[in-house]
C-alpha atoms as a PDB file:
ATOM      1  CA  MET A   1     227.764 103.026 247.413  1.00  0.00           C
ATOM      2  CA  ALA A   2     229.865 103.161 250.604  1.00  0.00           C
ATOM      3  CA  ALA A   3     227.635 100.585 252.298  1.00  0.00           C
ATOM      4  CA  ASP A   4     227.938  98.270 249.303  1.00  0.00           C
ATOM      5  CA  ILE A   5     231.733  98.506 249.278  1.00  0.00           C
ATOM      6  CA  LEU A   6     231.868  98.056 253.043  1.00  0.00           C
ATOM      7  CA  GLY A   7     229.777  94.907 252.753  1.00  0.00           C
ATOM      8  CA  ARG A   8     232.070  93.436 250.106  1.00  0.00           C
ATOM      9  CA  LEU A   9     235.323  93.945 252.017  1.00  0.00           C
ATOM     10  CA  PRO A  10     236.911  90.713 253.203  1.00  0.00           C
ATOM     11  CA  ASP A  11     237.453  89.953 256.871  1.00  0.00           C
ATOM     12  CA  ASN A  12     240.881  90.561 258.347  1.00  0.00           C
ATOM     13  CA  TYR A  13     243.325  87.699 258.117  1.00  0.00           C
ATOM     14  CA  ASP A  14     243.831  85.704 261.303  1.00  0.00           C
ATOM     15  CA  MET A  15     247.479  86.417 262.096  1.00  0.00           C
ATOM     16  CA  GLU A  16     247.707  83.687 264.732  1.00  0.00           C
ATOM     17  CA  LEU A  17     246.572  81.100 262.201  1.00  0.00           C
ATOM     18  CA  ALA A  18     248.959  82.512 259.594  1.00  0.00           C
ATOM     19  CA  ALA A  19     251.857  82.250 262.053  1.00  0.00           C
ATOM     20  CA  ILE A  20     250.970  78.610 262.720  1.00  0.00           C
ATOM     21  CA  ARG A  21     250.514  77.690 259.060  1.00  0.00           C
ATOM     22  CA  TYR A  22     253.509  79.686 257.834  1.00  0.00           C
ATOM     23  CA  PRO A  23     256.080  79.709 260.651  1.00  0.00           C
ATOM     24  CA  VAL A  24     259.276  81.708 260.378  1.00  0.00           C
ATOM     25  CA  LYS A  25     261.939  79.243 259.254  1.00  0.00           C
ATOM     26  CA  TRP A  26     265.378  79.676 257.761  1.00  0.00           C
ATOM     27  CA  ASN A  27     264.502  77.590 254.686  1.00  0.00           C
ATOM     28  CA  GLU A  28     261.087  79.262 254.204  1.00  0.00           C
ATOM     29  CA  SER A  29     261.922  82.957 254.009  1.00  0.00           C
ATOM     30  CA  MET A  30     258.727  83.762 252.083  1.00  0.00           C
ATOM     31  CA  ASN A  31     256.721  82.882 255.199  1.00  0.00           C
ATOM     32  CA  THR A  32     258.112  85.990 256.874  1.00  0.00           C
ATOM     33  CA  VAL A  33     257.261  88.141 253.866  1.00  0.00           C
ATOM     34  CA  LEU A  34     253.756  86.682 253.663  1.00  0.00           C
ATOM     35  CA  CYS A  35     253.026  87.399 257.327  1.00  0.00           C
ATOM     36  CA  GLN A  36     254.361  90.954 257.017  1.00  0.00           C
ATOM     37  CA  GLU A  37     252.176  91.595 253.974  1.00  0.00           C
ATOM     38  CA  LEU A  38     249.123  90.162 255.729  1.00  0.00           C
ATOM     39  CA  VAL A  39     249.663  92.641 258.573  1.00  0.00           C
ATOM     40  CA  ARG A  40     249.908  95.488 256.056  1.00  0.00           C
ATOM     41  CA  PHE A  41     246.775  94.306 254.267  1.00  0.00           C
ATOM     42  CA  ASN A  42     244.867  94.101 257.562  1.00  0.00           C
ATOM     43  CA  ASN A  43     245.962  97.668 258.344  1.00  0.00           C
ATOM     44  CA  LEU A  44     244.819  98.833 254.908  1.00  0.00           C
ATOM     45  CA  LEU A  45     241.445  97.155 255.406  1.00  0.00           C
ATOM     46  CA  ALA A  46     241.051  98.935 258.753  1.00  0.00           C
ATOM     47  CA  VAL A  47     241.733 102.325 257.149  1.00  0.00           C
ATOM     48  CA  VAL A  48     239.345 101.623 254.271  1.00  0.00           C
ATOM     49  CA  ARG A  49     236.613 100.485 256.681  1.00  0.00           C
ATOM     50  CA  LEU A  50     237.042 103.605 258.810  1.00  0.00           C
ATOM     51  CA  SER A  51     236.981 105.842 255.733  1.00  0.00           C
ATOM     52  CA  LEU A  52     233.810 104.219 254.424  1.00  0.00           C
ATOM     53  CA  LYS A  53     232.102 104.488 257.807  1.00  0.00           C
ATOM     54  CA  ASN A  54     233.052 108.168 257.959  1.00  0.00           C
ATOM     55  CA  VAL A  55     231.705 108.706 254.442  1.00  0.00           C
ATOM     56  CA  ARG A  56     228.378 107.216 255.507  1.00  0.00           C
ATOM     57  CA  LYS A  57     228.288 109.383 258.644  1.00  0.00           C
ATOM     58  CA  ALA A  58     229.152 112.495 256.651  1.00  0.00           C
ATOM     59  CA  ILE A  59     226.384 111.784 254.151  1.00  0.00           C
ATOM     60  CA  GLN A  60     223.934 111.419 257.056  1.00  0.00           C
ATOM     61  CA  ASP A  61     225.235 114.714 258.561  1.00  0.00           C
ATOM     62  CA  GLN A  62     226.513 112.953 261.673  1.00  0.00           C
ATOM     63  CA  ILE A  63     230.062 114.266 261.217  1.00  0.00           C
ATOM     64  CA  ALA A  64     231.669 117.142 259.328  1.00  0.00           C
ATOM     65  CA  PHE A  65     232.461 116.655 255.659  1.00  0.00           C
ATOM     66  CA  ASP A  66     236.236 117.218 255.732  1.00  0.00           C
ATOM     67  CA  HIS A  67     239.466 115.741 254.412  1.00  0.00           C
ATOM     68  CA  GLU A  68     239.790 113.385 257.392  1.00  0.00           C
ATOM     69  CA  ALA A  69     236.330 111.932 256.858  1.00  0.00           C
ATOM     70  CA  MET A  70     236.475 112.031 253.080  1.00  0.00           C
ATOM     71  CA  PRO A  71     240.044 111.408 251.939  1.00  0.00           C
ATOM     72  CA  ARG A  72     239.115 110.719 248.322  1.00  0.00           C
ATOM     73  CA  SER A  73     235.341 110.838 247.987  1.00  0.00           C
ATOM     74  CA  GLU A  74     235.629 112.999 244.881  1.00  0.00           C
ATOM     75  CA  TYR A  75     237.394 110.073 243.201  1.00  0.00           C
ATOM     76  CA  ALA A  76     234.867 107.408 244.152  1.00  0.00           C
ATOM     77  CA  ALA A  77     234.221 106.644 240.499  1.00  0.00           C
ATOM     78  CA  GLY A  78     237.881 106.194 239.572  1.00  0.00           C
ATOM     79  CA  PRO A  79     240.914 104.282 240.834  1.00  0.00           C
ATOM     80  CA  LYS A  80     242.791 107.096 242.580  1.00  0.00           C
ATOM     81  CA  TRP A  81     244.947 106.685 245.696  1.00  0.00           C
ATOM     82  CA  ASP A  82     245.609 108.911 248.645  1.00  0.00           C
ATOM     83  CA  ASN A  83     248.448 108.954 251.161  1.00  0.00           C
ATOM     84  CA  VAL A  84     246.032 107.954 253.930  1.00  0.00           C
ATOM     85  CA  TYR A  85     246.016 104.414 252.503  1.00  0.00           C
ATOM     86  CA  PHE A  86     249.801 104.012 252.469  1.00  0.00           C
END
Protein backbone atom coordinates (compact mmCIF):
# COMPACT_ATOMS: atom_id res chain seq x y z
CA MET A 1 0.00 0.00 0.00
CA ALA A 2 2.84 2.42 0.82
CA ALA A 3 4.53 1.73 -2.52
CA ASP A 4 1.27 2.37 -4.36
CA ILE A 5 0.72 5.69 -2.60
CA LEU A 6 4.35 6.67 -3.13
CA GLY A 7 4.00 5.97 -6.84
CA ARG A 8 0.89 8.14 -7.12
CA LEU A 9 2.35 11.22 -5.42
CA PRO A 10 2.91 14.14 -7.78
CA ASP A 11 6.34 15.59 -8.43
CA ASN A 12 7.36 18.70 -6.55
CA TYR A 13 6.44 21.99 -8.16
CA ASP A 14 9.26 23.81 -9.92
CA MET A 15 9.59 26.96 -7.82
CA GLU A 16 11.83 28.72 -10.35
CA LEU A 17 9.20 28.25 -13.05
CA ALA A 18 6.46 29.38 -10.66
CA ALA A 19 8.42 32.54 -9.84
CA ILE A 20 8.78 33.29 -13.55
CA ARG A 21 5.14 32.58 -14.40
CA TYR A 22 3.74 34.27 -11.30
CA PRO A 23 6.13 37.09 -10.37
CA VAL A 24 5.63 39.14 -7.23
CA LYS A 25 3.85 42.30 -8.34
CA TRP A 26 1.93 44.96 -6.47
CA ASN A 27 -1.21 44.44 -8.58
CA GLU A 28 -0.99 40.61 -8.42
CA SER A 29 -0.86 39.88 -4.70
CA MET A 30 -2.20 36.33 -5.18
CA ASN A 31 1.05 35.43 -6.95
CA THR A 32 2.86 35.77 -3.63
CA VAL A 33 0.28 33.61 -1.87
CA LEU A 34 0.43 30.99 -4.62
CA CYS A 35 4.22 30.71 -4.44
CA GLN A 36 4.13 30.46 -0.64
CA GLU A 37 1.54 27.69 -0.79
CA LEU A 38 3.54 25.82 -3.43
CA VAL A 39 6.55 25.84 -1.09
CA ARG A 40 4.37 24.49 1.73
CA PHE A 41 2.93 21.81 -0.54
CA ASN A 42 6.42 20.76 -1.66
CA ASN A 43 7.45 20.49 2.00
CA LEU A 44 4.38 18.38 2.76
CA LEU A 45 5.17 16.09 -0.17
CA ALA A 46 8.72 15.64 1.13
CA VAL A 47 7.44 14.63 4.58
CA VAL A 48 4.88 12.23 3.11
CA ARG A 49 7.51 10.65 0.84
CA LEU A 50 9.91 10.20 3.76
CA SER A 51 7.16 8.71 5.92
CA LEU A 52 6.14 6.25 3.21
CA LYS A 53 9.75 5.22 2.60
CA ASN A 54 10.19 4.65 6.33
CA VAL A 55 7.00 2.59 6.44
CA ARG A 56 8.35 0.37 3.68
CA LYS A 57 11.70 0.01 5.47
CA ALA A 58 9.98 -0.80 8.75
CA ILE A 59 7.85 -3.47 7.10
CA GLN A 60 11.02 -5.01 5.62
CA ASP A 61 12.69 -4.86 9.09
CA GLN A 62 15.36 -2.45 7.85
CA ILE A 63 14.55 0.15 10.52
CA ALA A 64 12.79 0.13 13.89
CA PHE A 65 9.02 0.37 13.94
CA ASP A 66 8.60 3.56 15.99
CA HIS A 67 6.66 6.82 16.02
CA GLU A 68 9.26 8.57 13.86
CA ALA A 69 9.07 5.93 11.15
CA MET A 70 5.35 5.34 11.49
CA PRO A 71 3.64 8.59 12.43
CA ARG A 72 0.14 7.37 11.60
CA SER A 73 0.38 3.86 10.18
CA GLU A 74 -2.46 2.71 12.42
CA TYR A 75 -4.72 5.15 10.55
CA ALA A 76 -3.73 4.09 7.05
CA ALA A 77 -7.31 3.15 6.27
CA GLY A 78 -8.81 6.46 7.39
CA PRO A 79 -8.23 10.17 6.82
CA LYS A 80 -6.46 11.07 10.07
CA TRP A 81 -3.76 13.74 10.42
CA ASP A 82 -0.70 14.00 12.58
CA ASN A 83 1.36 16.99 13.65
CA VAL A 84 4.31 15.71 11.62
CA TYR A 85 2.50 16.83 8.46
CA PHE A 86 1.87 20.39 9.63
